[in-house]
PDB file of N, CA and C in Angstrom:
ATOM      1  N   UNK A   1       0.812  -1.202  -0.015  1.00  0.00           N
ATOM      2  CA  UNK A   1       0.028  -0.102   0.039  1.00  0.00           C
ATOM      3  C   UNK A   1       0.892   1.283  -0.031  1.00  0.00           C
ATOM      4  N   UNK A   2       0.583   2.231  -0.876  1.00  0.00           N
ATOM      5  CA  UNK A   2       1.394   3.320  -0.947  1.00  0.00           C
ATOM      6  C   UNK A   2       1.024   4.545   0.192  1.00  0.00           C
ATOM      7  N   UNK A   3       1.924   5.488   0.180  1.00  0.00           N
ATOM      8  CA  UNK A   3       1.938   6.381   1.253  1.00  0.00           C
ATOM      9  C   UNK A   3       0.697   7.041   1.216  1.00  0.00           C
ATOM     10  N   UNK A   4       0.172   7.403  -0.024  1.00  0.00           N
ATOM     11  CA  UNK A   4      -0.869   8.313  -0.167  1.00  0.00           C
ATOM     12  C   UNK A   4      -2.155   7.399   0.264  1.00  0.00           C
ATOM     13  N   UNK A   5      -2.250   6.136  -0.126  1.00  0.00           N
ATOM     14  CA  UNK A   5      -3.323   5.342   0.173  1.00  0.00           C
ATOM     15  C   UNK A   5      -3.448   5.208   1.769  1.00  0.00           C
ATOM     16  N   UNK A   6      -2.295   5.129   2.389  1.00  0.00           N
ATOM     17  CA  UNK A   6      -2.450   4.889   3.854  1.00  0.00           C
ATOM     18  C   UNK A   6      -2.750   6.292   4.540  1.00  0.00           C
ATOM     19  N   UNK A   7      -2.381   7.326   3.958  1.00  0.00           N
ATOM     20  CA  UNK A   7      -2.776   8.774   4.541  1.00  0.00           C
ATOM     21  C   UNK A   7      -4.335   8.989   4.192  1.00  0.00           C
ATOM     22  N   UNK A   8      -4.854   8.330   3.062  1.00  0.00           N
ATOM     23  CA  UNK A   8      -6.324   8.388   2.926  1.00  0.00           C
ATOM     24  C   UNK A   8      -7.027   7.626   4.012  1.00  0.00           C
ATOM     25  N   UNK A   9      -6.507   6.533   4.336  1.00  0.00           N
ATOM     26  CA  UNK A   9      -7.129   5.665   5.283  1.00  0.00           C
ATOM     27  C   UNK A   9      -7.071   6.274   6.783  1.00  0.00           C
ATOM     28  N   UNK A  10      -6.114   6.973   7.324  1.00  0.00           N
ATOM     29  CA  UNK A  10      -6.097   7.548   8.471  1.00  0.00           C
ATOM     30  C   UNK A  10      -6.521   9.023   8.608  1.00  0.00           C
ATOM     31  N   UNK A  11      -6.928   9.520   7.542  1.00  0.00           N
ATOM     32  CA  UNK A  11      -7.428  10.935   7.541  1.00  0.00           C
ATOM     33  C   UNK A  11      -9.030  11.068   7.330  1.00  0.00           C
ATOM     34  N   UNK A  12      -9.638  12.131   7.659  1.00  0.00           N
ATOM     35  CA  UNK A  12     -11.018  12.283   7.443  1.00  0.00           C
ATOM     36  C   UNK A  12     -11.812  11.734   8.467  1.00  0.00           C
ATOM     37  N   UNK A  13     -12.951  11.337   8.230  1.00  0.00           N
ATOM     38  CA  UNK A  13     -13.950  10.868   9.098  1.00  0.00           C
ATOM     39  C   UNK A  13     -14.031   9.381   9.038  1.00  0.00           C
ATOM     40  N   UNK A  14     -14.009   8.574   9.958  1.00  0.00           N
ATOM     41  CA  UNK A  14     -14.273   7.197  10.128  1.00  0.00           C
ATOM     42  C   UNK A  14     -15.495   6.784   9.465  1.00  0.00           C
ATOM     43  N   UNK A  15     -15.658   5.409   9.307  1.00  0.00           N
ATOM     44  CA  UNK A  15     -16.961   4.814   8.769  1.00  0.00           C
ATOM     45  C   UNK A  15     -17.969   4.971   9.865  1.00  0.00           C
ATOM     46  N   UNK A  16     -17.590   5.083  11.187  1.00  0.00           N
ATOM     47  CA  UNK A  16     -18.490   5.114  12.373  1.00  0.00           C
ATOM     48  C   UNK A  16     -19.059   6.522  12.524  1.00  0.00           C
ATOM     49  N   UNK A  17     -18.417   7.533  11.841  1.00  0.00           N
ATOM     50  CA  UNK A  17     -18.904   8.928  11.853  1.00  0.00           C
ATOM     51  C   UNK A  17     -18.063   9.762  12.869  1.00  0.00           C
ATOM     52  N   UNK A  18     -16.871   9.064  13.377  1.00  0.00           N
ATOM     53  CA  UNK A  18     -15.946   9.787  14.239  1.00  0.00           C
ATOM     54  C   UNK A  18     -15.070  10.786  13.489  1.00  0.00           C
ATOM     55  N   UNK A  19     -14.934  12.009  14.070  1.00  0.00           N
ATOM     56  CA  UNK A  19     -14.003  12.865  13.330  1.00  0.00           C
ATOM     57  C   UNK A  19     -12.572  12.548  13.711  1.00  0.00           C
ATOM     58  N   UNK A  20     -11.765  12.469  12.794  1.00  0.00           N
ATOM     59  CA  UNK A  20     -10.187  12.270  13.145  1.00  0.00           C
ATOM     60  C   UNK A  20      -9.483  13.537  12.848  1.00  0.00           C
ATOM     61  N   UNK A  21      -8.053  13.374  13.050  1.00  0.00           N
ATOM     62  CA  UNK A  21      -7.279  14.493  12.953  1.00  0.00           C
ATOM     63  C   UNK A  21      -7.355  15.100  11.473  1.00  0.00           C
ATOM     64  N   UNK A  22      -7.043  16.458  11.567  1.00  0.00           N
ATOM     65  CA  UNK A  22      -7.277  17.208  10.212  1.00  0.00           C
ATOM     66  C   UNK A  22      -5.969  17.243   9.354  1.00  0.00           C
ATOM     67  N   UNK A  23      -4.831  16.847   9.940  1.00  0.00           N
ATOM     68  CA  UNK A  23      -3.584  16.913   9.256  1.00  0.00           C
ATOM     69  C   UNK A  23      -2.887  15.649   9.465  1.00  0.00           C
ATOM     70  N   UNK A  24      -2.201  15.280   8.228  1.00  0.00           N
ATOM     71  CA  UNK A  24      -1.339  13.911   8.433  1.00  0.00           C
ATOM     72  C   UNK A  24       0.003  14.069   7.820  1.00  0.00           C
ATOM     73  N   UNK A  25       0.988  13.559   8.417  1.00  0.00           N
ATOM     74  CA  UNK A  25       2.319  13.486   7.745  1.00  0.00           C
ATOM     75  C   UNK A  25       2.404  12.434   6.723  1.00  0.00           C
ATOM     76  N   UNK A  26       2.768  12.616   5.607  1.00  0.00           N
ATOM     77  CA  UNK A  26       2.769  11.622   4.519  1.00  0.00           C
ATOM     78  C   UNK A  26       3.940  10.695   4.713  1.00  0.00           C
ATOM     79  N   UNK A  27       4.944  11.085   5.414  1.00  0.00           N
ATOM     80  CA  UNK A  27       6.095  10.240   5.626  1.00  0.00           C
ATOM     81  C   UNK A  27       6.041   9.268   6.643  1.00  0.00           C
ATOM     82  N   UNK A  28       5.484   9.630   7.819  1.00  0.00           N
ATOM     83  CA  UNK A  28       5.510   8.771   8.903  1.00  0.00           C
ATOM     84  C   UNK A  28       3.991   8.310   9.284  1.00  0.00           C
ATOM     85  N   UNK A  29       3.045   8.981   8.648  1.00  0.00           N
ATOM     86  CA  UNK A  29       1.563   8.726   8.774  1.00  0.00           C
ATOM     87  C   UNK A  29       1.100   9.329  10.237  1.00  0.00           C
ATOM     88  N   UNK A  30       1.755  10.056  10.911  1.00  0.00           N
ATOM     89  CA  UNK A  30       1.395  10.758  12.171  1.00  0.00           C
ATOM     90  C   UNK A  30       0.286  11.674  11.870  1.00  0.00           C
ATOM     91  N   UNK A  31      -0.866  11.597  12.779  1.00  0.00           N
ATOM     92  CA  UNK A  31      -1.965  12.632  12.423  1.00  0.00           C
ATOM     93  C   UNK A  31      -1.796  13.758  13.537  1.00  0.00           C
ATOM     94  N   UNK A  32      -2.442  14.887  13.259  1.00  0.00           N
ATOM     95  CA  UNK A  32      -2.398  16.121  14.116  1.00  0.00           C
ATOM     96  C   UNK A  32      -3.790  16.706  14.020  1.00  0.00           C
ATOM     97  N   UNK A  33      -4.222  17.428  15.084  1.00  0.00           N
ATOM     98  CA  UNK A  33      -5.317  18.309  15.012  1.00  0.00           C
ATOM     99  C   UNK A  33      -5.023  19.870  14.770  1.00  0.00           C
ATOM    100  N   UNK A  34      -3.725  20.143  14.789  1.00  0.00           N
ATOM    101  CA  UNK A  34      -3.221  21.352  14.306  1.00  0.00           C
ATOM    102  C   UNK A  34      -2.242  21.289  13.364  1.00  0.00           C
ATOM    103  N   UNK A  35      -2.116  22.392  12.558  1.00  0.00           N
ATOM    104  CA  UNK A  35      -1.165  22.355  11.554  1.00  0.00           C
ATOM    105  C   UNK A  35       0.324  22.695  11.956  1.00  0.00           C
ATOM    106  N   UNK A  36       1.146  21.705  11.387  1.00  0.00           N
ATOM    107  CA  UNK A  36       2.561  21.762  11.665  1.00  0.00           C
ATOM    108  C   UNK A  36       3.320  22.046  10.411  1.00  0.00           C
ATOM    109  N   UNK A  37       4.322  22.927  10.404  1.00  0.00           N
ATOM    110  CA  UNK A  37       5.134  23.089   9.068  1.00  0.00           C
ATOM    111  C   UNK A  37       5.992  21.864   8.867  1.00  0.00           C
ATOM    112  N   UNK A  38       6.406  21.411   9.927  1.00  0.00           N
ATOM    113  CA  UNK A  38       7.312  20.179   9.781  1.00  0.00           C
ATOM    114  C   UNK A  38       6.768  19.132  10.874  1.00  0.00           C
ATOM    115  N   UNK A  39       6.787  18.035  10.495  1.00  0.00           N
ATOM    116  CA  UNK A  39       6.267  16.924  11.433  1.00  0.00           C
ATOM    117  C   UNK A  39       7.151  16.924  12.752  1.00  0.00           C
ATOM    118  N   UNK A  40       6.627  16.922  13.853  1.00  0.00           N
ATOM    119  CA  UNK A  40       7.391  16.826  15.166  1.00  0.00           C
ATOM    120  C   UNK A  40       7.821  15.495  15.388  1.00  0.00           C
ATOM    121  N   UNK A  41       7.263  14.456  14.660  1.00  0.00           N
ATOM    122  CA  UNK A  41       7.778  13.133  14.895  1.00  0.00           C
ATOM    123  C   UNK A  41       9.012  12.540  14.069  1.00  0.00           C
ATOM    124  N   UNK A  42       8.963  13.036  12.712  1.00  0.00           N
ATOM    125  CA  UNK A  42       9.963  12.678  11.777  1.00  0.00           C
ATOM    126  C   UNK A  42      10.791  13.874  11.301  1.00  0.00           C
ATOM    127  N   UNK A  43      10.313  14.993  11.309  1.00  0.00           N
ATOM    128  CA  UNK A  43      10.906  16.069  10.700  1.00  0.00           C
ATOM    129  C   UNK A  43      10.635  16.363   9.164  1.00  0.00           C
ATOM    130  N   UNK A  44       9.744  15.583   8.806  1.00  0.00           N
ATOM    131  CA  UNK A  44       9.232  15.848   7.261  1.00  0.00           C
ATOM    132  C   UNK A  44       8.561  16.959   7.099  1.00  0.00           C
ATOM    133  N   UNK A  45       8.739  17.708   5.781  1.00  0.00           N
ATOM    134  CA  UNK A  45       7.987  18.794   5.522  1.00  0.00           C
ATOM    135  C   UNK A  45       6.643  18.467   4.768  1.00  0.00           C
ATOM    136  N   UNK A  46       6.397  17.239   4.750  1.00  0.00           N
ATOM    137  CA  UNK A  46       5.233  16.770   3.925  1.00  0.00           C
ATOM    138  C   UNK A  46       3.988  16.557   4.732  1.00  0.00           C
ATOM    139  N   UNK A  47       3.542  17.527   5.552  1.00  0.00           N
ATOM    140  CA  UNK A  47       2.361  17.468   6.378  1.00  0.00           C
ATOM    141  C   UNK A  47       1.261  18.170   5.613  1.00  0.00           C
ATOM    142  N   UNK A  48       0.169  17.315   5.510  1.00  0.00           N
ATOM    143  CA  UNK A  48      -0.958  17.821   4.482  1.00  0.00           C
ATOM    144  C   UNK A  48      -2.317  17.749   5.278  1.00  0.00           C
ATOM    145  N   UNK A  49      -3.244  18.710   4.785  1.00  0.00           N
ATOM    146  CA  UNK A  49      -4.622  18.723   5.253  1.00  0.00           C
ATOM    147  C   UNK A  49      -5.220  17.401   4.850  1.00  0.00           C
ATOM    148  N   UNK A  50      -6.191  16.699   5.698  1.00  0.00           N
ATOM    149  CA  UNK A  50      -6.581  15.556   5.197  1.00  0.00           C
ATOM    150  C   UNK A  50      -7.413  15.566   3.822  1.00  0.00           C
ATOM    151  N   UNK A  51      -8.155  16.722   3.718  1.00  0.00           N
ATOM    152  CA  UNK A  51      -9.085  16.827   2.367  1.00  0.00           C
ATOM    153  C   UNK A  51      -8.014  16.776   1.193  1.00  0.00           C
ATOM    154  N   UNK A  52      -6.969  17.177   1.340  1.00  0.00           N
ATOM    155  CA  UNK A  52      -5.821  17.245   0.170  1.00  0.00           C
ATOM    156  C   UNK A  52      -5.543  15.840  -0.265  1.00  0.00           C
ATOM    157  N   UNK A  53      -5.539  14.856   0.665  1.00  0.00           N
ATOM    158  CA  UNK A  53      -5.041  13.487   0.346  1.00  0.00           C
ATOM    159  C   UNK A  53      -6.294  12.404   0.151  1.00  0.00           C
ATOM    160  N   UNK A  54      -7.419  12.957   0.235  1.00  0.00           N
ATOM    161  CA  UNK A  54      -8.622  12.140   0.153  1.00  0.00           C
ATOM    162  C   UNK A  54      -9.054  12.000  -1.517  1.00  0.00           C
ATOM    163  N   UNK A  55      -9.670  10.972  -1.941  1.00  0.00           N
ATOM    164  CA  UNK A  55     -10.173  10.881  -3.248  1.00  0.00           C
ATOM    165  C   UNK A  55     -11.119  11.949  -3.753  1.00  0.00           C
TER     166      UNK A  55
END
């Protein structure tokens, strides 16, 4: 499974209707409720809003 597919899976709203984090790091798949310019977990600059990675 590719990084974008994994990001799509962890972002947005779950099938049960629960809201999830709004932002996701595409490098390490860590999710956040606030926007970071760099991922505090892995240092990547590839942090995106979940709606940007959804189909």
